[in-house]
Amino acid sequence: MQQAESTPPSGALLVKTAAVFYGALLAVAWGWASLMGRSLWFASTAAEQRGVAPLDLALGLVVGVLVVAISAALARTVWGAALSRALGQLLGILSWRDCLVLAVLSGVSEEAFFRGALQPQLGLVATSALFGLAHLVPRRELAPWCLFSFAAGLLLGLLFERTGNLLAPSVAHIVVNAVNLRLLSVKWGGA
């Protein structure tokens, strides 16, 4: 029996599809950085020599929690509630495990691609604009997601520039996606 068009995919199918997509995105990011003769994980040679610091992890966690709080506040607005409902219904019901796997896949791969590969070449604003456009879905109620993603891209890009590595932006991205995916799924996934 064929799935109805409005029925969201199962969590397992979504995770498998995401693994393929984000694996390919990570490969493209790695290939691009290799072609450019630079590290994918660090903003510069000097940053690579410094390495990562425990503060980078803490900064990523704090920023991730702050963005989740901002998301929750925005979800109380008329357009934010419509966006949350539409995203949750698209996602369907996801387990915590599904949300965590999706968050790690998307957080690491998107940060490697946008911040690690593109930002050193294109700059903060252009890369953030591309990040926002990558989240553009042709449904009116999902349009704010593109703008929110642009703003998040600026913040994640600033983290990359400040720390010189992908740890803080990746951790922040993972926290935001894990928590928000689960909240959306619980509230709207079965609707």
N, C-alpha and C. Protein backbone atom coordinates (compact mmCIF):
# COMPACT_ATOMS: atom_id res chain seq x y z
N MET A 1 0.84 -1.18 0.00
CA MET A 1 0.00 0.00 0.00
C MET A 1 0.89 1.24 0.00
N GLN A 2 0.57 2.20 -0.82
CA GLN A 2 1.36 3.43 -0.95
C GLN A 2 0.96 4.42 0.14
N GLN A 3 1.98 5.09 0.71
CA GLN A 3 1.75 6.08 1.76
C GLN A 3 1.06 7.31 1.17
N ALA A 4 0.09 7.85 1.91
CA ALA A 4 -0.59 9.07 1.47
C ALA A 4 0.41 10.22 1.42
N GLU A 5 0.18 11.18 0.55
CA GLU A 5 1.10 12.29 0.36
C GLU A 5 1.29 13.11 1.63
N SER A 6 0.26 13.24 2.44
CA SER A 6 0.36 14.07 3.64
C SER A 6 0.88 13.31 4.85
N THR A 7 1.07 12.01 4.73
CA THR A 7 1.57 11.21 5.84
C THR A 7 3.08 11.37 5.94
N PRO A 8 3.59 11.76 7.12
CA PRO A 8 5.04 11.93 7.26
C PRO A 8 5.74 10.58 7.20
N PRO A 9 7.01 10.56 6.81
CA PRO A 9 7.75 9.30 6.78
C PRO A 9 7.96 8.78 8.20
N SER A 10 8.24 7.49 8.31
CA SER A 10 8.54 6.94 9.63
C SER A 10 9.88 7.51 10.10
N GLY A 11 10.09 7.48 11.41
CA GLY A 11 11.35 7.97 11.95
C GLY A 11 12.54 7.23 11.37
N ALA A 12 12.41 5.90 11.23
CA ALA A 12 13.51 5.10 10.70
C ALA A 12 13.84 5.49 9.26
N LEU A 13 12.82 5.69 8.44
CA LEU A 13 13.05 6.10 7.05
C LEU A 13 13.68 7.48 6.99
N LEU A 14 13.22 8.39 7.82
CA LEU A 14 13.78 9.74 7.85
C LEU A 14 15.25 9.70 8.25
N VAL A 15 15.59 8.89 9.25
CA VAL A 15 16.98 8.77 9.70
C VAL A 15 17.85 8.18 8.59
N LYS A 16 17.37 7.14 7.92
CA LYS A 16 18.15 6.52 6.84
C LYS A 16 18.37 7.49 5.68
N THR A 17 17.33 8.20 5.31
CA THR A 17 17.43 9.18 4.23
C THR A 17 18.39 10.30 4.62
N ALA A 18 18.28 10.76 5.86
CA ALA A 18 19.17 11.82 6.35
C ALA A 18 20.62 11.35 6.37
N ALA A 19 20.85 10.10 6.75
CA ALA A 19 22.22 9.57 6.79
C ALA A 19 22.87 9.62 5.41
N VAL A 20 22.10 9.25 4.39
CA VAL A 20 22.63 9.29 3.02
C VAL A 20 22.89 10.74 2.60
N PHE A 21 21.89 11.61 2.80
CA PHE A 21 22.03 13.01 2.40
C PHE A 21 23.18 13.69 3.12
N TYR A 22 23.21 13.56 4.45
CA TYR A 22 24.24 14.27 5.21
C TYR A 22 25.62 13.64 5.04
N GLY A 23 25.66 12.34 4.75
CA GLY A 23 26.94 11.72 4.41
C GLY A 23 27.50 12.32 3.13
N ALA A 24 26.62 12.51 2.14
CA ALA A 24 27.04 13.13 0.88
C ALA A 24 27.46 14.58 1.10
N LEU A 25 26.72 15.31 1.92
CA LEU A 25 27.06 16.71 2.20
C LEU A 25 28.42 16.81 2.88
N LEU A 26 28.69 15.90 3.81
CA LEU A 26 29.98 15.89 4.50
C LEU A 26 31.11 15.56 3.51
N ALA A 27 30.85 14.64 2.60
CA ALA A 27 31.86 14.29 1.59
C ALA A 27 32.15 15.48 0.68
N VAL A 28 31.11 16.21 0.29
CA VAL A 28 31.30 17.41 -0.54
C VAL A 28 32.11 18.45 0.23
N ALA A 29 31.79 18.65 1.51
CA ALA A 29 32.52 19.61 2.33
C ALA A 29 33.99 19.23 2.44
N TRP A 30 34.24 17.97 2.71
CA TRP A 30 35.62 17.49 2.82
C TRP A 30 36.36 17.66 1.49
N GLY A 31 35.70 17.30 0.39
CA GLY A 31 36.31 17.44 -0.93
C GLY A 31 36.64 18.89 -1.25
N TRP A 32 35.72 19.80 -0.93
CA TRP A 32 35.93 21.22 -1.19
C TRP A 32 37.13 21.75 -0.39
N ALA A 33 37.16 21.41 0.90
CA ALA A 33 38.27 21.87 1.74
C ALA A 33 39.60 21.29 1.24
N SER A 34 39.58 20.04 0.81
CA SER A 34 40.79 19.42 0.27
C SER A 34 41.26 20.12 -0.99
N LEU A 35 40.31 20.44 -1.87
CA LEU A 35 40.66 21.17 -3.11
C LEU A 35 41.26 22.54 -2.80
N MET A 36 40.76 23.16 -1.74
CA MET A 36 41.26 24.48 -1.35
C MET A 36 42.56 24.38 -0.55
N GLY A 37 42.96 23.15 -0.20
CA GLY A 37 44.21 22.94 0.53
C GLY A 37 44.16 23.40 1.97
N ARG A 38 42.99 23.28 2.59
CA ARG A 38 42.86 23.72 3.98
C ARG A 38 42.08 22.70 4.80
N SER A 39 42.18 22.85 6.10
CA SER A 39 41.46 21.98 7.03
C SER A 39 39.97 22.30 6.98
N LEU A 40 39.17 21.26 7.07
CA LEU A 40 37.72 21.45 7.13
C LEU A 40 37.28 21.89 8.52
N TRP A 41 37.98 21.48 9.54
CA TRP A 41 37.52 21.65 10.92
C TRP A 41 38.01 22.92 11.59
N PHE A 42 38.98 23.59 10.98
CA PHE A 42 39.55 24.79 11.58
C PHE A 42 39.48 25.97 10.61
N ALA A 43 39.31 27.17 11.15
CA ALA A 43 39.16 28.37 10.33
C ALA A 43 40.48 28.82 9.71
N SER A 44 41.59 28.44 10.32
CA SER A 44 42.89 28.87 9.82
C SER A 44 43.97 27.92 10.33
N THR A 45 45.17 28.09 9.79
CA THR A 45 46.30 27.29 10.26
C THR A 45 46.61 27.62 11.72
N ALA A 46 46.52 28.89 12.07
CA ALA A 46 46.77 29.30 13.46
C ALA A 46 45.74 28.66 14.40
N ALA A 47 44.48 28.63 13.97
CA ALA A 47 43.44 28.00 14.79
C ALA A 47 43.69 26.51 14.92
N GLU A 48 44.15 25.90 13.85
CA GLU A 48 44.45 24.46 13.90
C GLU A 48 45.59 24.18 14.87
N GLN A 49 46.58 25.05 14.91
CA GLN A 49 47.70 24.88 15.84
C GLN A 49 47.23 25.07 17.29
N ARG A 50 46.28 25.97 17.52
CA ARG A 50 45.72 26.16 18.87
C ARG A 50 44.88 24.97 19.28
N GLY A 51 44.18 24.37 18.32
CA GLY A 51 43.31 23.24 18.62
C GLY A 51 41.99 23.70 19.21
N VAL A 52 41.32 22.78 19.88
CA VAL A 52 40.04 23.11 20.51
C VAL A 52 40.24 23.21 22.01
N ALA A 53 39.37 23.96 22.65
CA ALA A 53 39.45 24.15 24.10
C ALA A 53 38.13 23.72 24.73
N PRO A 54 38.16 23.31 26.00
CA PRO A 54 36.91 22.96 26.69
C PRO A 54 35.89 24.10 26.64
N LEU A 55 36.39 25.33 26.61
CA LEU A 55 35.50 26.49 26.53
C LEU A 55 34.67 26.47 25.24
N ASP A 56 35.23 25.92 24.16
CA ASP A 56 34.50 25.84 22.90
C ASP A 56 33.27 24.95 23.05
N LEU A 57 33.43 23.84 23.76
CA LEU A 57 32.31 22.94 24.02
C LEU A 57 31.26 23.65 24.88
N ALA A 58 31.70 24.30 25.94
CA ALA A 58 30.77 25.01 26.83
C ALA A 58 30.04 26.13 26.09
N LEU A 59 30.76 26.86 25.26
CA LEU A 59 30.16 27.94 24.48
C LEU A 59 29.09 27.39 23.55
N GLY A 60 29.37 26.27 22.90
CA GLY A 60 28.38 25.64 22.03
C GLY A 60 27.13 25.23 22.78
N LEU A 61 27.31 24.66 23.97
CA LEU A 61 26.15 24.25 24.78
C LEU A 61 25.31 25.45 25.20
N VAL A 62 25.97 26.51 25.66
CA VAL A 62 25.25 27.71 26.11
C VAL A 62 24.49 28.35 24.95
N VAL A 63 25.14 28.51 23.81
CA VAL A 63 24.47 29.11 22.65
C VAL A 63 23.32 28.23 22.19
N GLY A 64 23.51 26.92 22.19
CA GLY A 64 22.43 26.00 21.80
C GLY A 64 21.21 26.15 22.69
N VAL A 65 21.42 26.22 23.99
CA VAL A 65 20.31 26.39 24.94
C VAL A 65 19.63 27.74 24.73
N LEU A 66 20.40 28.78 24.50
CA LEU A 66 19.81 30.11 24.25
C LEU A 66 18.96 30.12 22.98
N VAL A 67 19.43 29.47 21.93
CA VAL A 67 18.65 29.42 20.69
C VAL A 67 17.37 28.60 20.88
N VAL A 68 17.44 27.53 21.66
CA VAL A 68 16.23 26.75 21.97
C VAL A 68 15.23 27.63 22.72
N ALA A 69 15.72 28.43 23.67
CA ALA A 69 14.84 29.33 24.42
C ALA A 69 14.21 30.38 23.50
N ILE A 70 14.99 30.91 22.57
CA ILE A 70 14.45 31.88 21.61
C ILE A 70 13.41 31.20 20.72
N SER A 71 13.69 29.98 20.30
CA SER A 71 12.72 29.22 19.48
C SER A 71 11.41 29.04 20.23
N ALA A 72 11.51 28.70 21.51
CA ALA A 72 10.30 28.49 22.32
C ALA A 72 9.51 29.79 22.44
N ALA A 73 10.21 30.90 22.62
CA ALA A 73 9.52 32.20 22.71
C ALA A 73 8.86 32.55 21.39
N LEU A 74 9.55 32.32 20.29
CA LEU A 74 8.98 32.63 18.97
C LEU A 74 7.79 31.73 18.65
N ALA A 75 7.79 30.51 19.17
CA ALA A 75 6.68 29.59 18.93
C ALA A 75 5.39 30.07 19.58
N ARG A 76 5.48 31.07 20.44
CA ARG A 76 4.28 31.63 21.08
C ARG A 76 3.64 32.73 20.24
N THR A 77 4.32 33.15 19.17
CA THR A 77 3.74 34.14 18.27
C THR A 77 2.81 33.43 17.29
N VAL A 78 1.98 34.18 16.60
CA VAL A 78 1.05 33.58 15.63
C VAL A 78 1.82 32.86 14.53
N TRP A 79 2.79 33.56 13.93
CA TRP A 79 3.54 32.93 12.83
C TRP A 79 4.44 31.82 13.34
N GLY A 80 4.97 31.96 14.55
CA GLY A 80 5.82 30.92 15.13
C GLY A 80 5.05 29.65 15.44
N ALA A 81 3.81 29.82 15.91
CA ALA A 81 2.96 28.65 16.18
C ALA A 81 2.61 27.93 14.88
N ALA A 82 2.32 28.70 13.83
CA ALA A 82 2.01 28.09 12.53
C ALA A 82 3.24 27.36 11.97
N LEU A 83 4.41 27.96 12.13
CA LEU A 83 5.65 27.33 11.69
C LEU A 83 5.89 26.03 12.46
N SER A 84 5.76 26.08 13.78
CA SER A 84 5.97 24.89 14.61
C SER A 84 5.01 23.76 14.23
N ARG A 85 3.76 24.10 14.06
CA ARG A 85 2.76 23.11 13.69
C ARG A 85 3.11 22.46 12.34
N ALA A 86 3.45 23.28 11.36
CA ALA A 86 3.77 22.77 10.02
C ALA A 86 5.02 21.89 10.04
N LEU A 87 6.06 22.32 10.75
CA LEU A 87 7.28 21.51 10.84
C LEU A 87 7.02 20.20 11.57
N GLY A 88 6.30 20.28 12.68
CA GLY A 88 5.98 19.07 13.45
C GLY A 88 5.18 18.07 12.65
N GLN A 89 4.22 18.56 11.89
CA GLN A 89 3.40 17.67 11.06
C GLN A 89 4.23 17.05 9.93
N LEU A 90 5.18 17.79 9.39
CA LEU A 90 6.07 17.24 8.36
C LEU A 90 6.96 16.14 8.93
N LEU A 91 7.42 16.34 10.15
CA LEU A 91 8.33 15.39 10.77
C LEU A 91 7.63 14.11 11.20
N GLY A 92 6.43 14.25 11.71
CA GLY A 92 5.74 13.08 12.26
C GLY A 92 6.27 12.74 13.64
N ILE A 93 6.03 11.53 14.05
CA ILE A 93 6.43 11.09 15.38
C ILE A 93 7.87 10.57 15.33
N LEU A 94 8.72 11.17 16.15
CA LEU A 94 10.13 10.78 16.23
C LEU A 94 10.48 10.43 17.66
N SER A 95 11.24 9.37 17.84
CA SER A 95 11.73 9.01 19.17
C SER A 95 12.88 9.95 19.55
N TRP A 96 13.27 9.92 20.83
CA TRP A 96 14.42 10.72 21.25
C TRP A 96 15.64 10.29 20.46
N ARG A 97 15.78 8.97 20.26
CA ARG A 97 16.93 8.45 19.50
C ARG A 97 16.93 9.01 18.09
N ASP A 98 15.78 8.97 17.42
CA ASP A 98 15.69 9.54 16.06
C ASP A 98 16.11 11.00 16.06
N CYS A 99 15.61 11.75 17.03
CA CYS A 99 15.93 13.19 17.11
C CYS A 99 17.42 13.41 17.33
N LEU A 100 18.01 12.61 18.20
CA LEU A 100 19.44 12.77 18.48
C LEU A 100 20.29 12.40 17.27
N VAL A 101 19.94 11.30 16.60
CA VAL A 101 20.70 10.90 15.40
C VAL A 101 20.56 11.95 14.31
N LEU A 102 19.34 12.42 14.07
CA LEU A 102 19.13 13.47 13.07
C LEU A 102 19.89 14.74 13.42
N ALA A 103 19.91 15.08 14.71
CA ALA A 103 20.61 16.29 15.15
C ALA A 103 22.12 16.18 14.94
N VAL A 104 22.69 15.03 15.25
CA VAL A 104 24.14 14.85 15.05
C VAL A 104 24.47 14.86 13.56
N LEU A 105 23.68 14.12 12.77
CA LEU A 105 23.93 14.09 11.32
C LEU A 105 23.86 15.49 10.72
N SER A 106 22.79 16.22 11.03
CA SER A 106 22.61 17.55 10.44
C SER A 106 23.59 18.56 11.03
N GLY A 107 23.78 18.52 12.34
CA GLY A 107 24.66 19.49 12.98
C GLY A 107 26.10 19.40 12.51
N VAL A 108 26.64 18.20 12.46
CA VAL A 108 28.03 18.02 12.04
C VAL A 108 28.18 18.31 10.54
N SER A 109 27.30 17.73 9.73
CA SER A 109 27.44 17.87 8.27
C SER A 109 27.17 19.29 7.79
N GLU A 110 26.11 19.92 8.30
CA GLU A 110 25.81 21.28 7.87
C GLU A 110 26.89 22.25 8.33
N GLU A 111 27.40 22.07 9.54
CA GLU A 111 28.47 22.96 10.00
C GLU A 111 29.75 22.74 9.20
N ALA A 112 30.07 21.49 8.88
CA ALA A 112 31.25 21.22 8.05
C ALA A 112 31.10 21.88 6.68
N PHE A 113 29.91 21.77 6.09
CA PHE A 113 29.69 22.32 4.76
C PHE A 113 29.64 23.85 4.78
N PHE A 114 28.74 24.40 5.60
CA PHE A 114 28.53 25.85 5.56
C PHE A 114 29.66 26.62 6.24
N ARG A 115 30.01 26.26 7.47
CA ARG A 115 31.04 27.00 8.18
C ARG A 115 32.44 26.53 7.77
N GLY A 116 32.68 25.23 7.76
CA GLY A 116 34.02 24.73 7.48
C GLY A 116 34.48 24.89 6.05
N ALA A 117 33.59 24.59 5.09
CA ALA A 117 33.98 24.64 3.68
C ALA A 117 33.69 25.99 3.03
N LEU A 118 32.47 26.49 3.20
CA LEU A 118 32.06 27.69 2.47
C LEU A 118 32.46 29.01 3.12
N GLN A 119 32.30 29.13 4.44
CA GLN A 119 32.51 30.43 5.08
C GLN A 119 33.92 31.00 4.87
N PRO A 120 34.98 30.19 4.92
CA PRO A 120 36.30 30.78 4.66
C PRO A 120 36.44 31.35 3.24
N GLN A 121 35.65 30.85 2.31
CA GLN A 121 35.72 31.31 0.92
C GLN A 121 34.74 32.45 0.65
N LEU A 122 33.52 32.35 1.21
CA LEU A 122 32.45 33.29 0.86
C LEU A 122 32.20 34.37 1.90
N GLY A 123 32.65 34.15 3.12
CA GLY A 123 32.41 35.10 4.20
C GLY A 123 31.16 34.77 5.00
N LEU A 124 31.02 35.44 6.11
CA LEU A 124 29.95 35.17 7.08
C LEU A 124 28.55 35.43 6.51
N VAL A 125 28.32 36.58 5.95
CA VAL A 125 26.97 36.96 5.52
C VAL A 125 26.50 36.11 4.34
N ALA A 126 27.34 35.94 3.33
CA ALA A 126 26.94 35.14 2.16
C ALA A 126 26.68 33.69 2.55
N THR A 127 27.53 33.14 3.40
CA THR A 127 27.34 31.75 3.84
C THR A 127 26.06 31.62 4.66
N SER A 128 25.79 32.59 5.51
CA SER A 128 24.55 32.57 6.31
C SER A 128 23.32 32.68 5.42
N ALA A 129 23.41 33.49 4.37
CA ALA A 129 22.30 33.60 3.42
C ALA A 129 22.06 32.27 2.72
N LEU A 130 23.13 31.60 2.31
CA LEU A 130 22.98 30.27 1.69
C LEU A 130 22.40 29.26 2.68
N PHE A 131 22.82 29.35 3.93
CA PHE A 131 22.29 28.47 4.97
C PHE A 131 20.79 28.70 5.13
N GLY A 132 20.38 29.96 5.15
CA GLY A 132 18.95 30.27 5.23
C GLY A 132 18.19 29.75 4.03
N LEU A 133 18.74 29.95 2.84
CA LEU A 133 18.08 29.48 1.62
C LEU A 133 17.99 27.95 1.57
N ALA A 134 18.96 27.28 2.16
CA ALA A 134 18.93 25.81 2.20
C ALA A 134 17.75 25.31 3.04
N HIS A 135 17.22 26.17 3.90
CA HIS A 135 16.08 25.81 4.74
C HIS A 135 14.76 26.37 4.20
N LEU A 136 14.79 26.84 2.97
CA LEU A 136 13.59 27.37 2.33
C LEU A 136 12.73 26.22 1.83
N VAL A 137 11.50 26.19 2.29
CA VAL A 137 10.54 25.17 1.87
C VAL A 137 9.36 25.91 1.23
N PRO A 138 8.90 25.45 0.06
CA PRO A 138 7.86 26.20 -0.65
C PRO A 138 6.46 26.05 -0.04
N ARG A 139 6.35 26.41 1.22
CA ARG A 139 5.05 26.47 1.89
C ARG A 139 5.03 27.75 2.70
N ARG A 140 3.97 28.51 2.54
CA ARG A 140 3.90 29.83 3.16
C ARG A 140 4.18 29.81 4.67
N GLU A 141 3.58 28.86 5.37
CA GLU A 141 3.75 28.83 6.83
C GLU A 141 5.17 28.45 7.25
N LEU A 142 5.98 27.93 6.31
CA LEU A 142 7.36 27.57 6.62
C LEU A 142 8.37 28.66 6.25
N ALA A 143 7.90 29.74 5.64
CA ALA A 143 8.81 30.83 5.23
C ALA A 143 9.63 31.40 6.39
N PRO A 144 9.07 31.58 7.59
CA PRO A 144 9.89 32.12 8.68
C PRO A 144 11.09 31.24 9.04
N TRP A 145 11.00 29.95 8.73
CA TRP A 145 12.11 29.03 9.03
C TRP A 145 13.37 29.47 8.28
N CYS A 146 13.21 29.96 7.07
CA CYS A 146 14.33 30.44 6.25
C CYS A 146 14.99 31.64 6.94
N LEU A 147 14.20 32.58 7.44
CA LEU A 147 14.74 33.76 8.12
C LEU A 147 15.41 33.39 9.44
N PHE A 148 14.77 32.50 10.19
CA PHE A 148 15.36 32.03 11.45
C PHE A 148 16.69 31.33 11.17
N SER A 149 16.73 30.54 10.10
CA SER A 149 17.96 29.83 9.74
C SER A 149 19.07 30.80 9.33
N PHE A 150 18.70 31.88 8.64
CA PHE A 150 19.69 32.90 8.29
C PHE A 150 20.30 33.49 9.56
N ALA A 151 19.45 33.86 10.51
CA ALA A 151 19.93 34.44 11.78
C ALA A 151 20.77 33.42 12.54
N ALA A 152 20.32 32.17 12.58
CA ALA A 152 21.09 31.12 13.24
C ALA A 152 22.43 30.92 12.53
N GLY A 153 22.42 31.01 11.20
CA GLY A 153 23.66 30.90 10.44
C GLY A 153 24.66 31.98 10.80
N LEU A 154 24.17 33.20 11.00
CA LEU A 154 25.05 34.29 11.44
C LEU A 154 25.67 33.96 12.80
N LEU A 155 24.84 33.50 13.71
CA LEU A 155 25.32 33.17 15.05
C LEU A 155 26.33 32.02 15.02
N LEU A 156 26.00 30.96 14.28
CA LEU A 156 26.91 29.81 14.17
C LEU A 156 28.21 30.22 13.48
N GLY A 157 28.10 31.07 12.48
CA GLY A 157 29.29 31.56 11.79
C GLY A 157 30.18 32.40 12.70
N LEU A 158 29.56 33.21 13.55
CA LEU A 158 30.33 33.99 14.52
C LEU A 158 31.04 33.08 15.52
N LEU A 159 30.37 32.00 15.92
CA LEU A 159 31.01 31.02 16.81
C LEU A 159 32.24 30.42 16.13
N PHE A 160 32.10 30.09 14.86
CA PHE A 160 33.22 29.52 14.09
C PHE A 160 34.38 30.52 14.04
N GLU A 161 34.06 31.78 13.76
CA GLU A 161 35.11 32.80 13.69
C GLU A 161 35.75 33.05 15.06
N ARG A 162 34.93 33.06 16.10
CA ARG A 162 35.43 33.35 17.46
C ARG A 162 36.33 32.24 17.98
N THR A 163 35.90 30.98 17.78
CA THR A 163 36.66 29.84 18.32
C THR A 163 37.72 29.34 17.35
N GLY A 164 37.51 29.56 16.06
CA GLY A 164 38.45 29.08 15.06
C GLY A 164 38.28 27.63 14.69
N ASN A 165 37.21 27.00 15.22
CA ASN A 165 36.97 25.59 14.89
C ASN A 165 35.48 25.30 14.85
N LEU A 166 35.14 24.10 14.44
CA LEU A 166 33.73 23.72 14.28
C LEU A 166 33.08 23.15 15.54
N LEU A 167 33.83 22.98 16.63
CA LEU A 167 33.24 22.35 17.81
C LEU A 167 32.06 23.15 18.37
N ALA A 168 32.25 24.42 18.66
CA ALA A 168 31.16 25.22 19.25
C ALA A 168 29.95 25.32 18.34
N PRO A 169 30.10 25.67 17.05
CA PRO A 169 28.91 25.74 16.21
C PRO A 169 28.24 24.38 16.02
N SER A 170 29.02 23.31 15.94
CA SER A 170 28.42 21.98 15.78
C SER A 170 27.63 21.58 17.02
N VAL A 171 28.20 21.81 18.19
CA VAL A 171 27.50 21.48 19.44
C VAL A 171 26.23 22.30 19.56
N ALA A 172 26.30 23.59 19.28
CA ALA A 172 25.11 24.45 19.35
C ALA A 172 24.04 23.94 18.38
N HIS A 173 24.43 23.63 17.17
CA HIS A 173 23.50 23.15 16.14
C HIS A 173 22.86 21.83 16.57
N ILE A 174 23.65 20.93 17.14
CA ILE A 174 23.13 19.64 17.60
C ILE A 174 22.13 19.83 18.73
N VAL A 175 22.45 20.69 19.69
CA VAL A 175 21.53 20.95 20.80
C VAL A 175 20.20 21.51 20.28
N VAL A 176 20.29 22.51 19.42
CA VAL A 176 19.07 23.14 18.87
C VAL A 176 18.23 22.10 18.13
N ASN A 177 18.85 21.34 17.26
CA ASN A 177 18.09 20.37 16.47
C ASN A 177 17.53 19.24 17.33
N ALA A 178 18.32 18.71 18.24
CA ALA A 178 17.84 17.59 19.07
C ALA A 178 16.63 18.00 19.89
N VAL A 179 16.74 19.11 20.59
CA VAL A 179 15.64 19.55 21.46
C VAL A 179 14.43 19.99 20.63
N ASN A 180 14.66 20.81 19.61
CA ASN A 180 13.52 21.31 18.83
C ASN A 180 12.83 20.22 18.02
N LEU A 181 13.60 19.28 17.46
CA LEU A 181 12.96 18.16 16.74
C LEU A 181 12.06 17.38 17.68
N ARG A 182 12.55 17.11 18.88
CA ARG A 182 11.75 16.34 19.83
C ARG A 182 10.50 17.12 20.26
N LEU A 183 10.67 18.40 20.57
CA LEU A 183 9.51 19.21 20.97
C LEU A 183 8.47 19.29 19.86
N LEU A 184 8.92 19.49 18.63
CA LEU A 184 7.99 19.56 17.49
C LEU A 184 7.28 18.23 17.29
N SER A 185 8.02 17.14 17.40
CA SER A 185 7.44 15.82 17.19
C SER A 185 6.41 15.48 18.26
N VAL A 186 6.75 15.77 19.51
CA VAL A 186 5.82 15.46 20.61
C VAL A 186 4.55 16.29 20.50
N LYS A 187 4.71 17.58 20.21
CA LYS A 187 3.54 18.47 20.18
C LYS A 187 2.70 18.31 18.92
N TRP A 188 3.35 18.17 17.76
CA TRP A 188 2.61 18.21 16.49
C TRP A 188 2.78 16.97 15.62
N GLY A 189 3.67 16.06 15.97
CA GLY A 189 3.95 14.91 15.11
C GLY A 189 2.79 13.99 14.85
N GLY A 190 1.90 13.88 15.81
CA GLY A 190 0.75 13.00 15.64
C GLY A 190 -0.49 13.73 15.14
N ALA A 191 -0.37 15.04 14.93
CA ALA A 191 -1.54 15.84 14.53
C ALA A 191 -1.91 15.65 13.08
